[in-house]
Amino acid sequence: MNPGAGTPIQAIADGVVREVGNPSGSLGVYAIIDHQIEGQTVSSLYAHMAYGSLALSVGQTVKVRQLVGLVGSTGASTGAHLHLGISVNGTPVDPYAWLTQKVK
């Protein structure tokens, strides 16, 4: 997704931050949030965020639309974009298809 550098990234649902990472890895600045949605564990990954923009810490409770960070180009990236990943019960799914189905 390419909403433009510096665009705020918001959590897709209420949840708890499982992991955050620094820009030294391929994902750059990233966060993983675990959510309980319709009886399933859904994990959302937000990667390549701008340096210094990560607004979360491990164990923090987040609300839907809460600021996660800002779109950036950290890690293995050639331009500003949001790498959004979604897994349901540990299985990766197409994030666009999942969001289209779940967000009404």
PDB file of N, CA and C in Angstrom:
ATOM      1  N   MET A   1       0.845  -1.171   0.000  1.00  0.00           N
ATOM      2  CA  MET A   1       0.000   0.000   0.000  1.00  0.00           C
ATOM      3  C   MET A   1       0.888   1.230   0.000  1.00  0.00           C
ATOM      4  N   ASN A   2       0.553   2.207  -0.803  1.00  0.00           N
ATOM      5  CA  ASN A   2       1.359   3.414  -0.889  1.00  0.00           C
ATOM      6  C   ASN A   2       0.501   4.652  -0.649  1.00  0.00           C
ATOM      7  N   PRO A   3       0.165   4.922   0.623  1.00  0.00           N
ATOM      8  CA  PRO A   3      -0.625   6.110   0.920  1.00  0.00           C
ATOM      9  C   PRO A   3       0.209   7.388   0.988  1.00  0.00           C
ATOM     10  N   GLY A   4       1.527   7.270   0.863  1.00  0.00           N
ATOM     11  CA  GLY A   4       2.410   8.430   0.898  1.00  0.00           C
ATOM     12  C   GLY A   4       3.221   8.508   2.178  1.00  0.00           C
ATOM     13  N   ALA A   5       4.455   8.941   2.049  1.00  0.00           N
ATOM     14  CA  ALA A   5       5.352   9.050   3.205  1.00  0.00           C
ATOM     15  C   ALA A   5       4.755   9.962   4.264  1.00  0.00           C
ATOM     16  N   GLY A   6       4.850   9.527   5.517  1.00  0.00           N
ATOM     17  CA  GLY A   6       4.371  10.332   6.629  1.00  0.00           C
ATOM     18  C   GLY A   6       2.901  10.175   6.958  1.00  0.00           C
ATOM     19  N   THR A   7       2.178   9.394   6.157  1.00  0.00           N
ATOM     20  CA  THR A   7       0.755   9.175   6.424  1.00  0.00           C
ATOM     21  C   THR A   7       0.598   8.364   7.711  1.00  0.00           C
ATOM     22  N   PRO A   8      -0.321   8.773   8.603  1.00  0.00           N
ATOM     23  CA  PRO A   8      -0.541   8.000   9.827  1.00  0.00           C
ATOM     24  C   PRO A   8      -1.067   6.597   9.520  1.00  0.00           C
ATOM     25  N   ILE A   9      -0.551   5.610  10.252  1.00  0.00           N
ATOM     26  CA  ILE A   9      -0.995   4.218  10.151  1.00  0.00           C
ATOM     27  C   ILE A   9      -1.815   3.927  11.395  1.00  0.00           C
ATOM     28  N   GLN A  10      -3.006   3.365  11.203  1.00  0.00           N
ATOM     29  CA  GLN A  10      -3.904   3.095  12.320  1.00  0.00           C
ATOM     30  C   GLN A  10      -4.125   1.600  12.495  1.00  0.00           C
ATOM     31  N   ALA A  11      -4.309   1.176  13.745  1.00  0.00           N
ATOM     32  CA  ALA A  11      -4.584  -0.230  14.048  1.00  0.00           C
ATOM     33  C   ALA A  11      -5.906  -0.649  13.416  1.00  0.00           C
ATOM     34  N   ILE A  12      -5.952  -1.881  12.882  1.00  0.00           N
ATOM     35  CA  ILE A  12      -7.158  -2.368  12.206  1.00  0.00           C
ATOM     36  C   ILE A  12      -8.255  -2.772  13.179  1.00  0.00           C
ATOM     37  N   ALA A  13      -7.902  -3.026  14.449  1.00  0.00           N
ATOM     38  CA  ALA A  13      -8.880  -3.463  15.452  1.00  0.00           C
ATOM     39  C   ALA A  13      -8.251  -3.328  16.832  1.00  0.00           C
ATOM     40  N   ASP A  14      -9.063  -3.469  17.868  1.00  0.00           N
ATOM     41  CA  ASP A  14      -8.548  -3.513  19.233  1.00  0.00           C
ATOM     42  C   ASP A  14      -7.599  -4.704  19.363  1.00  0.00           C
ATOM     43  N   GLY A  15      -6.576  -4.579  20.179  1.00  0.00           N
ATOM     44  CA  GLY A  15      -5.655  -5.697  20.361  1.00  0.00           C
ATOM     45  C   GLY A  15      -4.551  -5.386  21.345  1.00  0.00           C
ATOM     46  N   VAL A  16      -3.540  -6.261  21.350  1.00  0.00           N
ATOM     47  CA  VAL A  16      -2.378  -6.124  22.229  1.00  0.00           C
ATOM     48  C   VAL A  16      -1.119  -6.259  21.378  1.00  0.00           C
ATOM     49  N   VAL A  17      -0.168  -5.366  21.585  1.00  0.00           N
ATOM     50  CA  VAL A  17       1.083  -5.381  20.825  1.00  0.00           C
ATOM     51  C   VAL A  17       1.919  -6.583  21.262  1.00  0.00           C
ATOM     52  N   ARG A  18       2.228  -7.455  20.299  1.00  0.00           N
ATOM     53  CA  ARG A  18       3.038  -8.641  20.573  1.00  0.00           C
ATOM     54  C   ARG A  18       4.525  -8.382  20.368  1.00  0.00           C
ATOM     55  N   GLU A  19       4.848  -7.594  19.345  1.00  0.00           N
ATOM     56  CA  GLU A  19       6.262  -7.435  18.973  1.00  0.00           C
ATOM     57  C   GLU A  19       6.448  -6.094  18.286  1.00  0.00           C
ATOM     58  N   VAL A  20       7.595  -5.484  18.519  1.00  0.00           N
ATOM     59  CA  VAL A  20       7.999  -4.292  17.774  1.00  0.00           C
ATOM     60  C   VAL A  20       9.448  -4.491  17.371  1.00  0.00           C
ATOM     61  N   GLY A  21       9.844  -3.858  16.291  1.00  0.00           N
ATOM     62  CA  GLY A  21      11.204  -4.036  15.813  1.00  0.00           C
ATOM     63  C   GLY A  21      11.819  -2.740  15.355  1.00  0.00           C
ATOM     64  N   ASN A  22      13.139  -2.751  15.334  1.00  0.00           N
ATOM     65  CA  ASN A  22      13.882  -1.573  14.923  1.00  0.00           C
ATOM     66  C   ASN A  22      14.272  -1.685  13.457  1.00  0.00           C
ATOM     67  N   PRO A  23      14.851  -0.636  12.901  1.00  0.00           N
ATOM     68  CA  PRO A  23      15.120  -0.616  11.465  1.00  0.00           C
ATOM     69  C   PRO A  23      16.279  -1.469  10.975  1.00  0.00           C
ATOM     70  N   SER A  24      16.887  -2.291  11.822  1.00  0.00           N
ATOM     71  CA  SER A  24      18.048  -3.058  11.370  1.00  0.00           C
ATOM     72  C   SER A  24      17.670  -4.278  10.536  1.00  0.00           C
ATOM     73  N   GLY A  25      16.442  -4.772  10.631  1.00  0.00           N
ATOM     74  CA  GLY A  25      16.012  -5.948   9.882  1.00  0.00           C
ATOM     75  C   GLY A  25      15.330  -5.585   8.578  1.00  0.00           C
ATOM     76  N   SER A  26      14.941  -6.596   7.819  1.00  0.00           N
ATOM     77  CA  SER A  26      14.330  -6.366   6.512  1.00  0.00           C
ATOM     78  C   SER A  26      12.976  -5.670   6.604  1.00  0.00           C
ATOM     79  N   LEU A  27      12.263  -5.825   7.728  1.00  0.00           N
ATOM     80  CA  LEU A  27      10.962  -5.167   7.888  1.00  0.00           C
ATOM     81  C   LEU A  27      11.099  -3.713   8.315  1.00  0.00           C
ATOM     82  N   GLY A  28      12.303  -3.302   8.653  1.00  0.00           N
ATOM     83  CA  GLY A  28      12.494  -1.939   9.132  1.00  0.00           C
ATOM     84  C   GLY A  28      11.790  -1.747  10.464  1.00  0.00           C
ATOM     85  N   VAL A  29      11.273  -0.560  10.680  1.00  0.00           N
ATOM     86  CA  VAL A  29      10.504  -0.270  11.889  1.00  0.00           C
ATOM     87  C   VAL A  29       9.145  -0.938  11.719  1.00  0.00           C
ATOM     88  N   TYR A  30       8.794  -1.835  12.661  1.00  0.00           N
ATOM     89  CA  TYR A  30       7.541  -2.578  12.497  1.00  0.00           C
ATOM     90  C   TYR A  30       6.878  -2.863  13.835  1.00  0.00           C
ATOM     91  N   ALA A  31       5.599  -3.239  13.760  1.00  0.00           N
ATOM     92  CA  ALA A  31       4.849  -3.674  14.939  1.00  0.00           C
ATOM     93  C   ALA A  31       3.924  -4.808  14.529  1.00  0.00           C
ATOM     94  N   ILE A  32       3.714  -5.744  15.455  1.00  0.00           N
ATOM     95  CA  ILE A  32       2.728  -6.812  15.270  1.00  0.00           C
ATOM     96  C   ILE A  32       1.733  -6.708  16.414  1.00  0.00           C
ATOM     97  N   ILE A  33       0.456  -6.655  16.063  1.00  0.00           N
ATOM     98  CA  ILE A  33      -0.620  -6.563  17.047  1.00  0.00           C
ATOM     99  C   ILE A  33      -1.489  -7.806  16.920  1.00  0.00           C
ATOM    100  N   ASP A  34      -1.808  -8.428  18.059  1.00  0.00           N
ATOM    101  CA  ASP A  34      -2.714  -9.579  18.087  1.00  0.00           C
ATOM    102  C   ASP A  34      -4.108  -9.103  18.477  1.00  0.00           C
ATOM    103  N   HIS A  35      -5.101  -9.597  17.740  1.00  0.00           N
ATOM    104  CA  HIS A  35      -6.501  -9.224  17.940  1.00  0.00           C
ATOM    105  C   HIS A  35      -7.325 -10.495  18.108  1.00  0.00           C
ATOM    106  N   GLN A  36      -8.396 -10.414  18.853  1.00  0.00           N
ATOM    107  CA  GLN A  36      -9.385 -11.495  18.913  1.00  0.00           C
ATOM    108  C   GLN A  36     -10.603 -11.007  18.134  1.00  0.00           C
ATOM    109  N   ILE A  37     -10.850 -11.632  16.990  1.00  0.00           N
ATOM    110  CA  ILE A  37     -11.940 -11.211  16.108  1.00  0.00           C
ATOM    111  C   ILE A  37     -12.751 -12.437  15.729  1.00  0.00           C
ATOM    112  N   GLU A  38     -14.025 -12.411  16.069  1.00  0.00           N
ATOM    113  CA  GLU A  38     -14.942 -13.508  15.739  1.00  0.00           C
ATOM    114  C   GLU A  38     -14.385 -14.858  16.190  1.00  0.00           C
ATOM    115  N   GLY A  39     -13.808 -14.902  17.390  1.00  0.00           N
ATOM    116  CA  GLY A  39     -13.299 -16.149  17.951  1.00  0.00           C
ATOM    117  C   GLY A  39     -11.978 -16.625  17.374  1.00  0.00           C
ATOM    118  N   GLN A  40     -11.346 -15.799  16.561  1.00  0.00           N
ATOM    119  CA  GLN A  40     -10.070 -16.174  15.957  1.00  0.00           C
ATOM    120  C   GLN A  40      -8.981 -15.200  16.391  1.00  0.00           C
ATOM    121  N   THR A  41      -7.744 -15.702  16.428  1.00  0.00           N
ATOM    122  CA  THR A  41      -6.608 -14.829  16.693  1.00  0.00           C
ATOM    123  C   THR A  41      -6.124 -14.280  15.362  1.00  0.00           C
ATOM    124  N   VAL A  42      -6.244 -12.983  15.210  1.00  0.00           N
ATOM    125  CA  VAL A  42      -5.823 -12.292  13.995  1.00  0.00           C
ATOM    126  C   VAL A  42      -4.616 -11.430  14.363  1.00  0.00           C
ATOM    127  N   SER A  43      -3.544 -11.568  13.607  1.00  0.00           N
ATOM    128  CA  SER A  43      -2.339 -10.770  13.837  1.00  0.00           C
ATOM    129  C   SER A  43      -2.156  -9.816  12.673  1.00  0.00           C
ATOM    130  N   SER A  44      -1.895  -8.558  12.998  1.00  0.00           N
ATOM    131  CA  SER A  44      -1.643  -7.569  11.950  1.00  0.00           C
ATOM    132  C   SER A  44      -0.207  -7.071  12.079  1.00  0.00           C
ATOM    133  N   LEU A  45       0.473  -7.019  10.947  1.00  0.00           N
ATOM    134  CA  LEU A  45       1.860  -6.568  10.855  1.00  0.00           C
ATOM    135  C   LEU A  45       1.886  -5.259  10.082  1.00  0.00           C
ATOM    136  N   TYR A  46       2.574  -4.278  10.628  1.00  0.00           N
ATOM    137  CA  TYR A  46       2.736  -2.968   9.983  1.00  0.00           C
ATOM    138  C   TYR A  46       4.241  -2.748   9.861  1.00  0.00           C
ATOM    139  N   ALA A  47       4.768  -2.692   8.639  1.00  0.00           N
ATOM    140  CA  ALA A  47       6.223  -2.647   8.471  1.00  0.00           C
ATOM    141  C   ALA A  47       6.675  -1.490   7.583  1.00  0.00           C
ATOM    142  N   HIS A  48       7.965  -1.197   7.668  1.00  0.00           N
ATOM    143  CA  HIS A  48       8.661  -0.145   6.918  1.00  0.00           C
ATOM    144  C   HIS A  48       8.263   1.255   7.376  1.00  0.00           C
ATOM    145  N   MET A  49       7.832   1.374   8.645  1.00  0.00           N
ATOM    146  CA  MET A  49       7.429   2.683   9.166  1.00  0.00           C
ATOM    147  C   MET A  49       8.628   3.627   9.266  1.00  0.00           C
ATOM    148  N   ALA A  50       8.330   4.902   9.306  1.00  0.00           N
ATOM    149  CA  ALA A  50       9.369   5.933   9.373  1.00  0.00           C
ATOM    150  C   ALA A  50      10.142   5.853  10.691  1.00  0.00           C
ATOM    151  N   TYR A  51      11.432   6.172  10.624  1.00  0.00           N
ATOM    152  CA  TYR A  51      12.273   6.234  11.822  1.00  0.00           C
ATOM    153  C   TYR A  51      11.627   7.150  12.857  1.00  0.00           C
ATOM    154  N   GLY A  52      11.608   6.707  14.105  1.00  0.00           N
ATOM    155  CA  GLY A  52      11.109   7.534  15.196  1.00  0.00           C
ATOM    156  C   GLY A  52       9.605   7.679  15.273  1.00  0.00           C
ATOM    157  N   SER A  53       8.866   6.982  14.405  1.00  0.00           N
ATOM    158  CA  SER A  53       7.408   7.175  14.387  1.00  0.00           C
ATOM    159  C   SER A  53       6.631   6.100  15.137  1.00  0.00           C
ATOM    160  N   LEU A  54       7.283   5.007  15.516  1.00  0.00           N
ATOM    161  CA  LEU A  54       6.585   3.918  16.195  1.00  0.00           C
ATOM    162  C   LEU A  54       5.964   4.440  17.484  1.00  0.00           C
ATOM    163  N   ALA A  55       4.643   4.288  17.611  1.00  0.00           N
ATOM    164  CA  ALA A  55       3.908   4.858  18.741  1.00  0.00           C
ATOM    165  C   ALA A  55       3.479   3.804  19.758  1.00  0.00           C
ATOM    166  N   LEU A  56       3.998   2.578  19.648  1.00  0.00           N
ATOM    167  CA  LEU A  56       3.549   1.472  20.484  1.00  0.00           C
ATOM    168  C   LEU A  56       4.718   0.783  21.179  1.00  0.00           C
ATOM    169  N   SER A  57       4.384   0.017  22.233  1.00  0.00           N
ATOM    170  CA  SER A  57       5.386  -0.807  22.908  1.00  0.00           C
ATOM    171  C   SER A  57       4.787  -2.178  23.195  1.00  0.00           C
ATOM    172  N   VAL A  58       5.641  -3.173  23.365  1.00  0.00           N
ATOM    173  CA  VAL A  58       5.200  -4.550  23.604  1.00  0.00           C
ATOM    174  C   VAL A  58       4.319  -4.601  24.851  1.00  0.00           C
ATOM    175  N   GLY A  59       3.195  -5.318  24.735  1.00  0.00           N
ATOM    176  CA  GLY A  59       2.261  -5.480  25.840  1.00  0.00           C
ATOM    177  C   GLY A  59       1.205  -4.398  25.929  1.00  0.00           C
ATOM    178  N   GLN A  60       1.359  -3.353  25.145  1.00  0.00           N
ATOM    179  CA  GLN A  60       0.404  -2.246  25.172  1.00  0.00           C
ATOM    180  C   GLN A  60      -0.926  -2.666  24.560  1.00  0.00           C
ATOM    181  N   THR A  61      -2.026  -2.248  25.181  1.00  0.00           N
ATOM    182  CA  THR A  61      -3.357  -2.459  24.624  1.00  0.00           C
ATOM    183  C   THR A  61      -3.645  -1.317  23.661  1.00  0.00           C
ATOM    184  N   VAL A  62      -4.149  -1.655  22.475  1.00  0.00           N
ATOM    185  CA  VAL A  62      -4.473  -0.632  21.481  1.00  0.00           C
ATOM    186  C   VAL A  62      -5.946  -0.719  21.108  1.00  0.00           C
ATOM    187  N   LYS A  63      -6.471   0.391  20.649  1.00  0.00           N
ATOM    188  CA  LYS A  63      -7.850   0.476  20.184  1.00  0.00           C
ATOM    189  C   LYS A  63      -7.858   0.627  18.665  1.00  0.00           C
ATOM    190  N   VAL A  64      -8.956   0.210  18.049  1.00  0.00           N
ATOM    191  CA  VAL A  64      -9.105   0.376  16.607  1.00  0.00           C
ATOM    192  C   VAL A  64      -8.855   1.843  16.246  1.00  0.00           C
ATOM    193  N   ARG A  65      -8.161   2.065  15.162  1.00  0.00           N
ATOM    194  CA  ARG A  65      -7.796   3.375  14.628  1.00  0.00           C
ATOM    195  C   ARG A  65      -6.738   4.120  15.449  1.00  0.00           C
ATOM    196  N   GLN A  66      -6.189   3.477  16.500  1.00  0.00           N
ATOM    197  CA  GLN A  66      -5.119   4.113  17.268  1.00  0.00           C
ATOM    198  C   GLN A  66      -3.867   4.202  16.408  1.00  0.00           C
ATOM    199  N   LEU A  67      -3.111   5.261  16.579  1.00  0.00           N
ATOM    200  CA  LEU A  67      -1.885   5.460  15.809  1.00  0.00           C
ATOM    201  C   LEU A  67      -0.865   4.367  16.109  1.00  0.00           C
ATOM    202  N   VAL A  68      -0.371   3.741  15.039  1.00  0.00           N
ATOM    203  CA  VAL A  68       0.692   2.738  15.137  1.00  0.00           C
ATOM    204  C   VAL A  68       2.034   3.399  14.834  1.00  0.00           C
ATOM    205  N   GLY A  69       2.070   4.214  13.793  1.00  0.00           N
ATOM    206  CA  GLY A  69       3.279   4.899  13.357  1.00  0.00           C
ATOM    207  C   GLY A  69       2.976   5.648  12.072  1.00  0.00           C
ATOM    208  N   LEU A  70       4.031   6.011  11.340  1.00  0.00           N
ATOM    209  CA  LEU A  70       3.880   6.743  10.086  1.00  0.00           C
ATOM    210  C   LEU A  70       4.507   5.959   8.938  1.00  0.00           C
ATOM    211  N   VAL A  71       3.903   6.057   7.769  1.00  0.00           N
ATOM    212  CA  VAL A  71       4.430   5.388   6.579  1.00  0.00           C
ATOM    213  C   VAL A  71       5.851   5.874   6.322  1.00  0.00           C
ATOM    214  N   GLY A  72       6.743   4.923   6.043  1.00  0.00           N
ATOM    215  CA  GLY A  72       8.135   5.261   5.776  1.00  0.00           C
ATOM    216  C   GLY A  72       8.754   4.302   4.777  1.00  0.00           C
ATOM    217  N   SER A  73      10.079   4.217   4.809  1.00  0.00           N
ATOM    218  CA  SER A  73      10.811   3.363   3.872  1.00  0.00           C
ATOM    219  C   SER A  73      12.024   2.752   4.565  1.00  0.00           C
ATOM    220  N   THR A  74      11.809   2.165   5.746  1.00  0.00           N
ATOM    221  CA  THR A  74      12.911   1.550   6.484  1.00  0.00           C
ATOM    222  C   THR A  74      13.034   0.078   6.125  1.00  0.00           C
ATOM    223  N   GLY A  75      14.194  -0.506   6.432  1.00  0.00           N
ATOM    224  CA  GLY A  75      14.415  -1.919   6.132  1.00  0.00           C
ATOM    225  C   GLY A  75      14.638  -2.141   4.648  1.00  0.00           C
ATOM    226  N   ALA A  76      14.264  -3.329   4.166  1.00  0.00           N
ATOM    227  CA  ALA A  76      14.436  -3.681   2.750  1.00  0.00           C
ATOM    228  C   ALA A  76      13.298  -3.061   1.951  1.00  0.00           C
ATOM    229  N   SER A  77      13.455  -1.801   1.635  1.00  0.00           N
ATOM    230  CA  SER A  77      12.407  -1.036   0.962  1.00  0.00           C
ATOM    231  C   SER A  77      13.051  -0.079  -0.026  1.00  0.00           C
ATOM    232  N   THR A  78      12.392   0.134  -1.150  1.00  0.00           N
ATOM    233  CA  THR A  78      12.921   1.060  -2.150  1.00  0.00           C
ATOM    234  C   THR A  78      12.106   2.334  -2.249  1.00  0.00           C
ATOM    235  N   GLY A  79      11.102   2.471  -1.394  1.00  0.00           N
ATOM    236  CA  GLY A  79      10.284   3.677  -1.385  1.00  0.00           C
ATOM    237  C   GLY A  79       9.254   3.598  -0.271  1.00  0.00           C
ATOM    238  N   ALA A  80       8.726   4.742   0.099  1.00  0.00           N
ATOM    239  CA  ALA A  80       7.753   4.803   1.192  1.00  0.00           C
ATOM    240  C   ALA A  80       6.501   4.005   0.846  1.00  0.00           C
ATOM    241  N   HIS A  81       6.122   3.120   1.768  1.00  0.00           N
ATOM    242  CA  HIS A  81       4.896   2.339   1.611  1.00  0.00           C
ATOM    243  C   HIS A  81       4.582   1.655   2.929  1.00  0.00           C
ATOM    244  N   LEU A  82       3.358   1.177   3.052  1.00  0.00           N
ATOM    245  CA  LEU A  82       2.975   0.371   4.206  1.00  0.00           C
ATOM    246  C   LEU A  82       2.952  -1.080   3.779  1.00  0.00           C
ATOM    247  N   HIS A  83       3.736  -1.903   4.449  1.00  0.00           N
ATOM    248  CA  HIS A  83       3.662  -3.357   4.270  1.00  0.00           C
ATOM    249  C   HIS A  83       2.716  -3.831   5.362  1.00  0.00           C
ATOM    250  N   LEU A  84       1.498  -4.179   4.968  1.00  0.00           N
ATOM    251  CA  LEU A  84       0.492  -4.676   5.906  1.00  0.00           C
ATOM    252  C   LEU A  84       0.347  -6.169   5.704  1.00  0.00           C
ATOM    253  N   GLY A  85       0.530  -6.916   6.774  1.00  0.00           N
ATOM    254  CA  GLY A  85       0.330  -8.360   6.725  1.00  0.00           C
ATOM    255  C   GLY A  85      -0.738  -8.751   7.722  1.00  0.00           C
ATOM    256  N   ILE A  86      -1.553  -9.730   7.357  1.00  0.00           N
ATOM    257  CA  ILE A  86      -2.580 -10.244   8.266  1.00  0.00           C
ATOM    258  C   ILE A  86      -2.492 -11.760   8.278  1.00  0.00           C
ATOM    259  N   SER A  87      -2.504 -12.327   9.493  1.00  0.00           N
ATOM    260  CA  SER A  87      -2.544 -13.779   9.675  1.00  0.00           C
ATOM    261  C   SER A  87      -3.749 -14.112  10.536  1.00  0.00           C
ATOM    262  N   VAL A  88      -4.441 -15.195  10.183  1.00  0.00           N
ATOM    263  CA  VAL A  88      -5.584 -15.671  10.957  1.00  0.00           C
ATOM    264  C   VAL A  88      -5.209 -17.030  11.535  1.00  0.00           C
ATOM    265  N   ASN A  89      -5.186 -17.115  12.858  1.00  0.00           N
ATOM    266  CA  ASN A  89      -4.763 -18.337  13.551  1.00  0.00           C
ATOM    267  C   ASN A  89      -3.421 -18.840  13.032  1.00  0.00           C
ATOM    268  N   GLY A  90      -2.503 -17.899  12.754  1.00  0.00           N
ATOM    269  CA  GLY A  90      -1.154 -18.242  12.323  1.00  0.00           C
ATOM    270  C   GLY A  90      -0.966 -18.457  10.836  1.00  0.00           C
ATOM    271  N   THR A  91      -2.047 -18.383  10.065  1.00  0.00           N
ATOM    272  CA  THR A  91      -1.961 -18.587   8.616  1.00  0.00           C
ATOM    273  C   THR A  91      -2.068 -17.247   7.894  1.00  0.00           C
ATOM    274  N   PRO A  92      -1.058 -16.874   7.101  1.00  0.00           N
ATOM    275  CA  PRO A  92      -1.138 -15.614   6.363  1.00  0.00           C
ATOM    276  C   PRO A  92      -2.309 -15.621   5.377  1.00  0.00           C
ATOM    277  N   VAL A  93      -2.980 -14.472   5.287  1.00  0.00           N
ATOM    278  CA  VAL A  93      -4.082 -14.299   4.340  1.00  0.00           C
ATOM    279  C   VAL A  93      -3.831 -13.025   3.541  1.00  0.00           C
ATOM    280  N   ASP A  94      -4.547 -12.882   2.442  1.00  0.00           N
ATOM    281  CA  ASP A  94      -4.463 -11.668   1.630  1.00  0.00           C
ATOM    282  C   ASP A  94      -5.068 -10.519   2.442  1.00  0.00           C
ATOM    283  N   PRO A  95      -4.267  -9.515   2.832  1.00  0.00           N
ATOM    284  CA  PRO A  95      -4.801  -8.461   3.689  1.00  0.00           C
ATOM    285  C   PRO A  95      -5.924  -7.663   3.039  1.00  0.00           C
ATOM    286  N   TYR A  96      -5.808  -7.396   1.745  1.00  0.00           N
ATOM    287  CA  TYR A  96      -6.852  -6.622   1.067  1.00  0.00           C
ATOM    288  C   TYR A  96      -8.170  -7.387   1.070  1.00  0.00           C
ATOM    289  N   ALA A  97      -8.123  -8.660   0.718  1.00  0.00           N
ATOM    290  CA  ALA A  97      -9.347  -9.471   0.690  1.00  0.00           C
ATOM    291  C   ALA A  97      -9.946  -9.589   2.087  1.00  0.00           C
ATOM    292  N   TRP A  98      -9.102  -9.788   3.097  1.00  0.00           N
ATOM    293  CA  TRP A  98      -9.596  -9.931   4.469  1.00  0.00           C
ATOM    294  C   TRP A  98     -10.254  -8.644   4.940  1.00  0.00           C
ATOM    295  N   LEU A  99      -9.579  -7.511   4.728  1.00  0.00           N
ATOM    296  CA  LEU A  99     -10.145  -6.225   5.142  1.00  0.00           C
ATOM    297  C   LEU A  99     -11.440  -5.919   4.403  1.00  0.00           C
ATOM    298  N   THR A 100     -11.474  -6.212   3.109  1.00  0.00           N
ATOM    299  CA  THR A 100     -12.684  -5.967   2.319  1.00  0.00           C
ATOM    300  C   THR A 100     -13.859  -6.759   2.872  1.00  0.00           C
ATOM    301  N   GLN A 101     -13.596  -7.982   3.307  1.00  0.00           N
ATOM    302  CA  GLN A 101     -14.652  -8.838   3.842  1.00  0.00           C
ATOM    303  C   GLN A 101     -15.076  -8.405   5.244  1.00  0.00           C
ATOM    304  N   LYS A 102     -14.136  -7.994   6.076  1.00  0.00           N
ATOM    305  CA  LYS A 102     -14.423  -7.717   7.488  1.00  0.00           C
ATOM    306  C   LYS A 102     -14.875  -6.290   7.765  1.00  0.00           C
ATOM    307  N   VAL A 103     -14.423  -5.343   6.973  1.00  0.00           N
ATOM    308  CA  VAL A 103     -14.766  -3.945   7.214  1.00  0.00           C
ATOM    309  C   VAL A 103     -15.959  -3.579   6.351  1.00  0.00           C
ATOM    310  N   LYS A 104     -17.035  -3.286   7.012  1.00  0.00           N
ATOM    311  CA  LYS A 104     -18.269  -2.975   6.277  1.00  0.00           C
ATOM    312  C   LYS A 104     -18.651  -1.534   6.480  1.00  0.00           C
TER     313      LYS A 104
END
